[in-house]
Amino acid sequence: MERSLKRAGGIFLACILGVSPCGFSQETTKTSSTSGEQQKRLELMTSRGPEGSLTVLPVVLAGQPFDRVSEVVGVLLEQQGLKNIELSATPFTPSIGIEMARLADSLGEFVKKNPVTTEYALYAEFNGNREIGLVELRAVIVDKAGRVVWMDRQGSQDDAMQQLEAKEPMTFSVLLVQRLCPALGLNEETAKAAKPGAMARRMEERSGLPPESERAQLPERQKRLKESGKSAKLVIFPVRVGGAVNAASAVELATMISNAGLSSSVPAAQSPLLKASQADPNELKVLWALARDFKEYCRKNPTDADYVLYADYVFNPEQWQQGFVHFVVCDRSGEWVIVDLQNSHHPEYQSVKPTSRDDCNRLLVKRLQEYLQ
């Protein structure tokens, strides 16, 4: 499950938040003291496994309900095998700092007044602020009658929290699902058997991904690119860095790619500035908007080369986690061959920790090498 959660975390970080997931622990979820009746309810919920049904209430992020985080939690749970998931639009907003037992009781009263159609309802809050970051995760599950089934708190002194490389909304979402899985009867086997459902469809609609029919040929085109080897002529366009074209970057990248023996690379004579926004919080949407723009540009402005590459960088010289490296490769006819995203979630990005254009170049070459070799 560790591997599948990391993979899913990466996908949905890209879609939504641009932050890092964490590892998975198979340890039994530690909860507050559990009464005999509550233990029976927990055992029943666990026994339901993938067939159980759960409503995810809006996750409260630093005091504010944030439905996009709820979507991420829902998708990650679906990836682990839970088949019946609903997302509620009605927020539960308890008093800040309320004690866990009172939080659980208040959630029960809330569900009684706002009935759910599923067997169980989940409330989670990621606590902290801009100055100190996220420092605490608290979560409670009640059944549809409002009775407490499961609750968990992870603070700065807990091992699971200390293991997070970055304490951000996505890492907390992954940690929450890690903590939830044993209680929900989800494990490696249920994750292997999981199929995309309503949550995946919802996320795909939000993600900005083109239809599957437009993406289906990418693996075959990448195979042809790999087979062409060093004989392929690759034209490198100047990189868009922080929203502006950097002319020197085309020469830098072409030299680095050629020196790495990946292809015959030359800088482009043109310096187009593609207009796709970098501002959308949905990073995957940013990537595919760039891909669409570049595809259209290539078709309107044919280049005498086998392949053309356009890259897009955002970086923070002080915080390597705050940025991304996107690049798109099209073939001679303007069809997508590679559409690649890297941010602080990805191991390659973490290995480089880019804080400069040169770092971003090195990461791009590293990624391109993985496609070509």
Protein backbone atom coordinates (compact mmCIF):
# COMPACT_ATOMS: atom_id res chain seq x y z
CA MET A 1 0.00 0.00 0.00
CA GLU A 2 2.93 2.34 0.56
CA ARG A 3 3.78 2.31 -3.13
CA SER A 4 0.19 2.77 -4.30
CA LEU A 5 -0.44 5.62 -1.89
CA LYS A 6 2.74 7.38 -3.00
CA ARG A 7 1.72 6.95 -6.64
CA ALA A 8 -1.82 8.20 -6.02
CA GLY A 9 -0.52 11.02 -3.87
CA GLY A 10 1.68 12.16 -6.69
CA ILE A 11 -1.16 12.18 -9.18
CA PHE A 12 -3.48 14.21 -7.04
CA LEU A 13 -0.88 16.55 -5.69
CA ALA A 14 -0.32 17.45 -9.29
CA CYS A 15 -4.01 17.93 -9.84
CA ILE A 16 -4.71 19.97 -6.78
CA LEU A 17 -2.03 21.20 -4.45
CA GLY A 18 1.50 20.76 -5.70
CA VAL A 19 2.92 19.24 -2.51
CA SER A 20 4.56 16.07 -1.26
CA PRO A 21 3.12 12.75 -0.10
CA CYS A 22 4.62 10.60 2.62
CA GLY A 23 5.40 6.94 3.21
CA PHE A 24 2.98 4.33 4.52
CA SER A 25 2.98 2.55 7.83
CA GLN A 26 1.18 -0.76 8.33
CA GLU A 27 0.90 -0.22 12.08
CA THR A 28 -2.55 -0.41 13.60
CA THR A 29 -4.16 2.99 13.89
CA LYS A 30 -3.77 4.43 17.37
CA THR A 31 -6.94 6.06 18.66
CA SER A 32 -8.08 7.61 21.86
CA SER A 33 -9.46 5.32 24.56
CA THR A 34 -12.24 3.21 23.10
CA SER A 35 -15.31 1.96 24.95
CA GLY A 36 -16.60 -1.56 24.47
CA GLU A 37 -19.49 -0.37 22.32
CA GLN A 38 -17.27 1.86 20.24
CA GLN A 39 -14.85 -1.04 19.74
CA LYS A 40 -17.70 -3.17 18.41
CA ARG A 41 -18.68 -0.40 15.99
CA LEU A 42 -15.07 -0.11 14.86
CA GLU A 43 -14.81 -3.86 14.29
CA LEU A 44 -18.02 -3.79 12.26
CA MET A 45 -16.72 -0.94 10.09
CA THR A 46 -13.42 -2.75 9.56
CA SER A 47 -15.24 -5.92 8.57
CA ARG A 48 -17.12 -4.04 5.84
CA GLY A 49 -13.85 -3.37 4.04
CA PRO A 50 -14.19 -2.11 0.46
CA GLU A 51 -17.97 -2.59 0.59
CA GLY A 52 -18.35 0.00 3.36
CA SER A 53 -19.69 3.44 2.51
CA LEU A 54 -18.31 6.74 3.73
CA THR A 55 -19.22 10.41 3.42
CA VAL A 56 -16.20 12.72 3.53
CA LEU A 57 -17.18 16.06 5.04
CA PRO A 58 -15.27 19.14 3.88
CA VAL A 59 -11.77 18.94 5.33
CA VAL A 60 -10.98 21.97 7.48
CA LEU A 61 -7.60 23.40 6.54
CA ALA A 62 -6.18 25.92 9.03
CA GLY A 63 -9.69 26.75 10.20
CA GLN A 64 -11.40 26.90 6.78
CA PRO A 65 -13.35 24.17 4.97
CA PHE A 66 -11.56 23.26 1.73
CA ASP A 67 -13.48 20.98 -0.62
CA ARG A 68 -10.50 20.26 -2.87
CA VAL A 69 -8.70 18.58 0.01
CA SER A 70 -11.81 16.48 0.62
CA GLU A 71 -11.67 15.41 -3.03
CA VAL A 72 -8.06 14.31 -2.63
CA VAL A 73 -8.95 12.26 0.46
CA GLY A 74 -11.86 10.68 -1.41
CA VAL A 75 -9.72 9.74 -4.40
CA LEU A 76 -6.94 8.30 -2.24
CA LEU A 77 -9.46 6.16 -0.37
CA GLU A 78 -10.90 4.96 -3.67
CA GLN A 79 -7.38 4.10 -4.80
CA GLN A 80 -7.06 1.92 -1.70
CA GLY A 81 -10.24 0.01 -2.56
CA LEU A 82 -13.14 1.79 -0.89
CA LYS A 83 -15.96 1.60 -3.42
CA ASN A 84 -18.73 3.78 -1.99
CA ILE A 85 -17.64 7.34 -1.24
CA GLU A 86 -19.69 10.52 -1.09
CA LEU A 87 -18.43 14.07 -0.71
CA SER A 88 -20.56 16.38 1.38
CA ALA A 89 -20.89 20.06 0.57
CA THR A 90 -22.12 20.88 4.08
CA PRO A 91 -19.20 21.88 6.32
CA PHE A 92 -18.88 20.92 9.95
CA THR A 93 -17.03 23.75 11.69
CA PRO A 94 -16.38 23.05 15.37
CA SER A 95 -14.73 25.50 17.71
CA ILE A 96 -10.99 25.80 17.15
CA GLY A 97 -9.02 23.73 19.66
CA ILE A 98 -12.04 21.82 20.94
CA GLU A 99 -11.01 18.73 22.94
CA MET A 100 -11.16 15.45 20.98
CA ALA A 101 -14.00 13.84 22.92
CA ARG A 102 -16.11 16.96 22.57
CA LEU A 103 -15.18 17.16 18.89
CA ALA A 104 -16.44 13.62 18.36
CA ASP A 105 -19.67 14.30 20.24
CA SER A 106 -20.25 17.50 18.29
CA LEU A 107 -19.73 15.65 15.02
CA GLY A 108 -22.30 13.09 16.10
CA GLU A 109 -24.84 15.83 16.77
CA PHE A 110 -24.02 17.44 13.42
CA VAL A 111 -24.68 14.18 11.55
CA LYS A 112 -27.97 13.71 13.35
CA LYS A 113 -29.07 17.14 12.14
CA ASN A 114 -27.50 16.69 8.69
CA PRO A 115 -28.11 13.03 7.81
CA VAL A 116 -25.73 11.23 5.46
CA THR A 117 -26.75 8.55 2.97
CA THR A 118 -23.73 6.37 3.76
CA GLU A 119 -22.99 4.12 6.72
CA TYR A 120 -20.28 6.42 8.05
CA ALA A 121 -19.12 10.05 7.97
CA LEU A 122 -15.55 11.31 8.21
CA TYR A 123 -14.47 14.70 9.50
CA ALA A 124 -10.82 15.77 9.40
CA GLU A 125 -8.98 18.95 10.21
CA PHE A 126 -5.43 19.99 9.37
CA ASN A 127 -4.43 22.57 11.96
CA GLY A 128 -1.80 25.30 11.77
CA ASN A 129 -1.29 28.63 10.04
CA ARG A 130 0.90 30.41 7.49
CA GLU A 131 3.57 31.28 10.03
CA ILE A 132 4.13 27.85 11.57
CA GLY A 133 2.72 25.60 8.85
CA LEU A 134 0.55 22.58 9.55
CA VAL A 135 1.23 20.99 12.93
CA GLU A 136 -1.71 18.75 13.80
CA LEU A 137 -4.07 16.30 12.12
CA ARG A 138 -7.32 15.32 13.83
CA ALA A 139 -9.99 13.03 12.41
CA VAL A 140 -13.22 11.41 13.59
CA ILE A 141 -15.60 8.89 12.03
CA VAL A 142 -19.16 8.52 13.25
CA ASP A 143 -21.84 6.17 11.96
CA LYS A 144 -25.01 7.48 10.35
CA ALA A 145 -26.69 7.48 13.77
CA GLY A 146 -24.01 9.88 15.03
CA ARG A 147 -22.21 7.36 17.25
CA VAL A 148 -18.42 7.60 17.44
CA VAL A 149 -16.61 4.78 15.62
CA TRP A 150 -13.00 5.95 15.28
CA MET A 151 -10.89 8.98 16.10
CA ASP A 152 -7.25 9.85 15.75
CA ARG A 153 -4.90 12.72 16.47
CA GLN A 154 -1.37 13.16 15.14
CA GLY A 155 0.71 16.00 16.56
CA SER A 156 4.28 17.17 16.27
CA GLN A 157 5.50 14.62 18.83
CA ASP A 158 4.07 11.61 17.00
CA ASP A 159 6.37 9.46 14.88
CA ALA A 160 4.12 9.52 11.82
CA MET A 161 4.13 13.32 11.83
CA GLN A 162 7.87 13.54 12.35
CA GLN A 163 8.45 11.32 9.32
CA LEU A 164 6.78 13.80 6.96
CA GLU A 165 9.37 15.57 4.84
CA ALA A 166 6.97 18.45 4.24
CA LYS A 167 3.94 19.28 6.36
CA GLU A 168 1.50 20.45 3.73
CA PRO A 169 -2.11 19.67 2.73
CA MET A 170 -1.23 16.76 0.45
CA THR A 171 1.13 15.10 2.90
CA PHE A 172 -1.55 15.41 5.55
CA SER A 173 -4.13 13.92 3.17
CA VAL A 174 -1.90 10.92 2.53
CA LEU A 175 -1.15 10.56 6.24
CA LEU A 176 -4.87 10.68 7.01
CA VAL A 177 -5.56 7.88 4.54
CA GLN A 178 -2.67 5.86 5.96
CA ARG A 179 -4.19 6.16 9.40
CA LEU A 180 -7.69 5.36 8.10
CA CYS A 181 -6.95 2.28 6.03
CA PRO A 182 -6.65 -0.29 8.86
CA ALA A 183 -9.86 0.99 10.46
CA LEU A 184 -11.69 0.76 7.14
CA GLY A 185 -10.38 -2.72 6.39
CA LEU A 186 -8.28 -1.53 3.46
CA ASN A 187 -4.88 -3.06 2.70
CA GLU A 188 -2.47 -4.02 -0.09
CA GLU A 189 -4.89 -6.54 -1.53
CA THR A 190 -7.84 -4.16 -1.63
CA ALA A 191 -5.60 -1.54 -3.28
CA LYS A 192 -4.55 -4.01 -5.98
CA ALA A 193 -8.20 -4.83 -6.68
CA ALA A 194 -9.31 -1.19 -6.66
CA LYS A 195 -10.92 0.27 -9.79
CA PRO A 196 -11.45 3.92 -10.72
CA GLY A 197 -14.88 5.08 -9.65
CA ALA A 198 -16.86 8.23 -9.03
CA MET A 199 -13.97 9.95 -7.25
CA ALA A 200 -11.54 9.30 -10.11
CA ARG A 201 -14.07 10.58 -12.63
CA ARG A 202 -14.65 13.70 -10.57
CA MET A 203 -10.94 14.36 -10.28
CA GLU A 204 -10.31 13.76 -13.96
CA GLU A 205 -12.99 16.29 -14.84
CA ARG A 206 -11.35 18.84 -12.55
CA SER A 207 -7.80 17.99 -13.55
CA GLY A 208 -7.84 19.48 -17.02
CA LEU A 209 -6.69 16.20 -18.56
CA PRO A 210 -7.63 15.79 -22.21
CA PRO A 211 -9.87 12.84 -23.10
CA GLU A 212 -8.28 9.41 -22.88
CA SER A 213 -8.53 9.12 -26.67
CA GLU A 214 -6.07 12.03 -26.99
CA ARG A 215 -3.62 10.51 -24.51
CA ALA A 216 -3.80 6.88 -25.64
CA GLN A 217 -1.06 7.19 -28.26
CA LEU A 218 1.55 8.72 -25.94
CA PRO A 219 3.23 5.41 -24.96
CA GLU A 220 3.61 4.35 -28.60
CA ARG A 221 5.01 7.75 -29.60
CA GLN A 222 7.44 7.63 -26.69
CA LYS A 223 8.54 4.18 -27.85
CA ARG A 224 9.27 5.54 -31.33
CA LEU A 225 11.19 8.46 -29.82
CA LYS A 226 13.29 6.06 -27.78
CA GLU A 227 13.96 3.84 -30.80
CA SER A 228 15.08 6.84 -32.86
CA GLY A 229 17.90 7.41 -30.37
CA LYS A 230 20.64 9.93 -31.06
CA SER A 231 19.67 10.20 -34.72
CA ALA A 232 16.55 12.20 -33.87
CA LYS A 233 16.84 15.95 -34.28
CA LEU A 234 15.38 17.74 -31.27
CA VAL A 235 14.77 21.48 -31.36
CA ILE A 236 14.71 23.21 -27.97
CA PHE A 237 12.61 26.31 -27.51
CA PRO A 238 13.57 28.93 -24.90
CA VAL A 239 12.14 28.04 -21.51
CA ARG A 240 9.34 30.01 -19.94
CA VAL A 241 10.75 30.87 -16.51
CA GLY A 242 8.34 32.43 -14.04
CA GLY A 243 6.12 33.59 -16.89
CA ALA A 244 8.85 35.15 -19.09
CA VAL A 245 10.93 33.70 -21.93
CA ASN A 246 14.59 33.12 -21.13
CA ALA A 247 16.51 33.12 -24.42
CA ALA A 248 19.74 31.68 -22.98
CA SER A 249 17.94 28.60 -21.69
CA ALA A 250 17.48 27.10 -25.17
CA VAL A 251 21.22 27.04 -25.77
CA GLU A 252 21.89 25.71 -22.27
CA LEU A 253 19.39 22.89 -22.59
CA ALA A 254 20.41 21.94 -26.13
CA THR A 255 24.03 21.70 -25.01
CA MET A 256 23.20 19.65 -21.92
CA ILE A 257 20.98 17.22 -23.85
CA SER A 258 23.57 16.76 -26.59
CA ASN A 259 26.38 16.31 -24.05
CA ALA A 260 24.32 13.66 -22.31
CA GLY A 261 24.19 11.77 -25.62
CA LEU A 262 20.40 11.78 -25.70
CA SER A 263 19.79 13.29 -29.13
CA SER A 264 21.04 15.79 -31.67
CA SER A 265 19.70 18.94 -30.01
CA VAL A 266 19.74 22.50 -31.30
CA PRO A 267 18.17 25.72 -29.97
CA ALA A 268 15.13 27.04 -31.82
CA ALA A 269 15.36 30.19 -33.90
CA GLN A 270 12.03 31.37 -32.45
CA SER A 271 11.29 32.43 -28.88
CA PRO A 272 7.53 32.07 -28.43
CA LEU A 273 5.97 32.96 -25.10
CA LEU A 274 3.03 30.63 -24.62
CA LYS A 275 0.13 32.22 -22.78
CA ALA A 276 -1.17 29.27 -20.75
CA SER A 277 -1.60 30.44 -17.17
CA GLN A 278 0.75 29.34 -14.40
CA ALA A 279 -1.60 30.67 -11.73
CA ASP A 280 -4.27 27.95 -11.49
CA PRO A 281 -3.99 26.00 -8.20
CA ASN A 282 -4.60 22.83 -10.23
CA GLU A 283 -1.07 22.10 -11.45
CA LEU A 284 -2.08 19.34 -13.82
CA LYS A 285 -4.45 21.79 -15.47
CA VAL A 286 -1.52 24.22 -15.85
CA LEU A 287 0.55 21.48 -17.49
CA TRP A 288 -2.09 20.43 -20.00
CA ALA A 289 -3.00 24.00 -20.86
CA LEU A 290 0.66 24.48 -21.75
CA ALA A 291 0.62 21.24 -23.75
CA ARG A 292 -2.42 22.37 -25.74
CA ASP A 293 -0.85 25.76 -26.46
CA PHE A 294 2.40 24.19 -27.63
CA LYS A 295 0.59 21.65 -29.80
CA GLU A 296 -1.34 24.45 -31.49
CA TYR A 297 1.85 26.50 -31.95
CA CYS A 298 3.68 23.55 -33.53
CA ARG A 299 0.88 22.94 -36.00
CA LYS A 300 0.75 26.59 -37.03
CA ASN A 301 4.54 26.99 -37.09
CA PRO A 302 6.12 23.75 -38.38
CA THR A 303 9.76 23.21 -37.43
CA ASP A 304 12.23 21.26 -39.54
CA ALA A 305 12.98 18.71 -36.84
CA ASP A 306 11.85 15.29 -35.72
CA TYR A 307 10.84 16.61 -32.31
CA VAL A 308 10.44 19.93 -30.51
CA LEU A 309 10.58 20.66 -26.78
CA TYR A 310 9.10 23.48 -24.70
CA ALA A 311 9.65 23.76 -20.94
CA ASP A 312 8.05 25.77 -18.17
CA TYR A 313 9.78 26.47 -14.83
CA VAL A 314 8.70 28.02 -11.56
CA PHE A 315 11.17 28.02 -8.67
CA ASN A 316 11.85 29.76 -5.38
CA PRO A 317 15.56 30.38 -4.64
CA GLU A 318 14.83 30.11 -0.91
CA GLN A 319 12.39 27.17 -0.86
CA TRP A 320 13.04 24.29 -3.25
CA GLN A 321 9.64 22.75 -2.49
CA GLN A 322 7.83 25.74 -4.02
CA GLY A 323 8.05 25.25 -7.74
CA PHE A 324 7.69 22.90 -10.67
CA VAL A 325 9.35 21.74 -13.87
CA HIS A 326 7.00 21.02 -16.78
CA PHE A 327 7.98 20.14 -20.32
CA VAL A 328 6.25 19.04 -23.49
CA VAL A 329 7.71 17.25 -26.53
CA CYS A 330 5.81 17.19 -29.81
CA ASP A 331 6.67 15.35 -33.00
CA ARG A 332 7.01 16.80 -36.50
CA SER A 333 3.23 16.77 -37.00
CA GLY A 334 2.57 18.54 -33.71
CA GLU A 335 1.34 15.49 -31.81
CA TRP A 336 2.18 15.10 -28.13
CA VAL A 337 4.99 12.67 -27.37
CA ILE A 338 5.92 13.61 -23.78
CA VAL A 339 3.92 15.71 -21.32
CA ASP A 340 5.86 15.66 -18.07
CA LEU A 341 5.33 17.20 -14.64
CA GLN A 342 7.77 17.35 -11.74
CA ASN A 343 7.27 18.98 -8.35
CA SER A 344 8.23 18.40 -4.74
CA HIS A 345 6.27 15.15 -4.63
CA HIS A 346 8.52 13.38 -7.10
CA PRO A 347 11.75 11.58 -6.12
CA GLU A 348 13.64 13.10 -9.06
CA TYR A 349 12.61 16.60 -8.01
CA GLN A 350 13.56 15.84 -4.42
CA SER A 351 16.99 14.60 -5.52
CA VAL A 352 17.74 17.88 -7.32
CA LYS A 353 15.89 20.31 -5.02
CA PRO A 354 15.79 23.00 -7.72
CA THR A 355 16.30 26.59 -6.64
CA SER A 356 17.67 27.97 -9.94
CA ARG A 357 17.21 27.70 -13.69
CA ASP A 358 20.30 25.50 -13.91
CA ASP A 359 18.82 23.11 -11.35
CA CYS A 360 15.60 22.96 -13.35
CA ASN A 361 17.60 22.25 -16.52
CA ARG A 362 19.38 19.38 -14.82
CA LEU A 363 16.09 17.93 -13.64
CA LEU A 364 14.60 18.17 -17.13
CA VAL A 365 17.60 16.40 -18.67
CA LYS A 366 17.35 13.71 -16.01
CA ARG A 367 13.68 13.18 -16.82
CA LEU A 368 14.29 13.16 -20.56
CA GLN A 369 17.00 10.57 -20.06
CA GLU A 370 14.48 8.31 -18.34
CA TYR A 371 12.23 8.48 -21.39
CA LEU A 372 15.04 7.87 -23.89
CA GLN A 373 17.21 5.24 -22.22
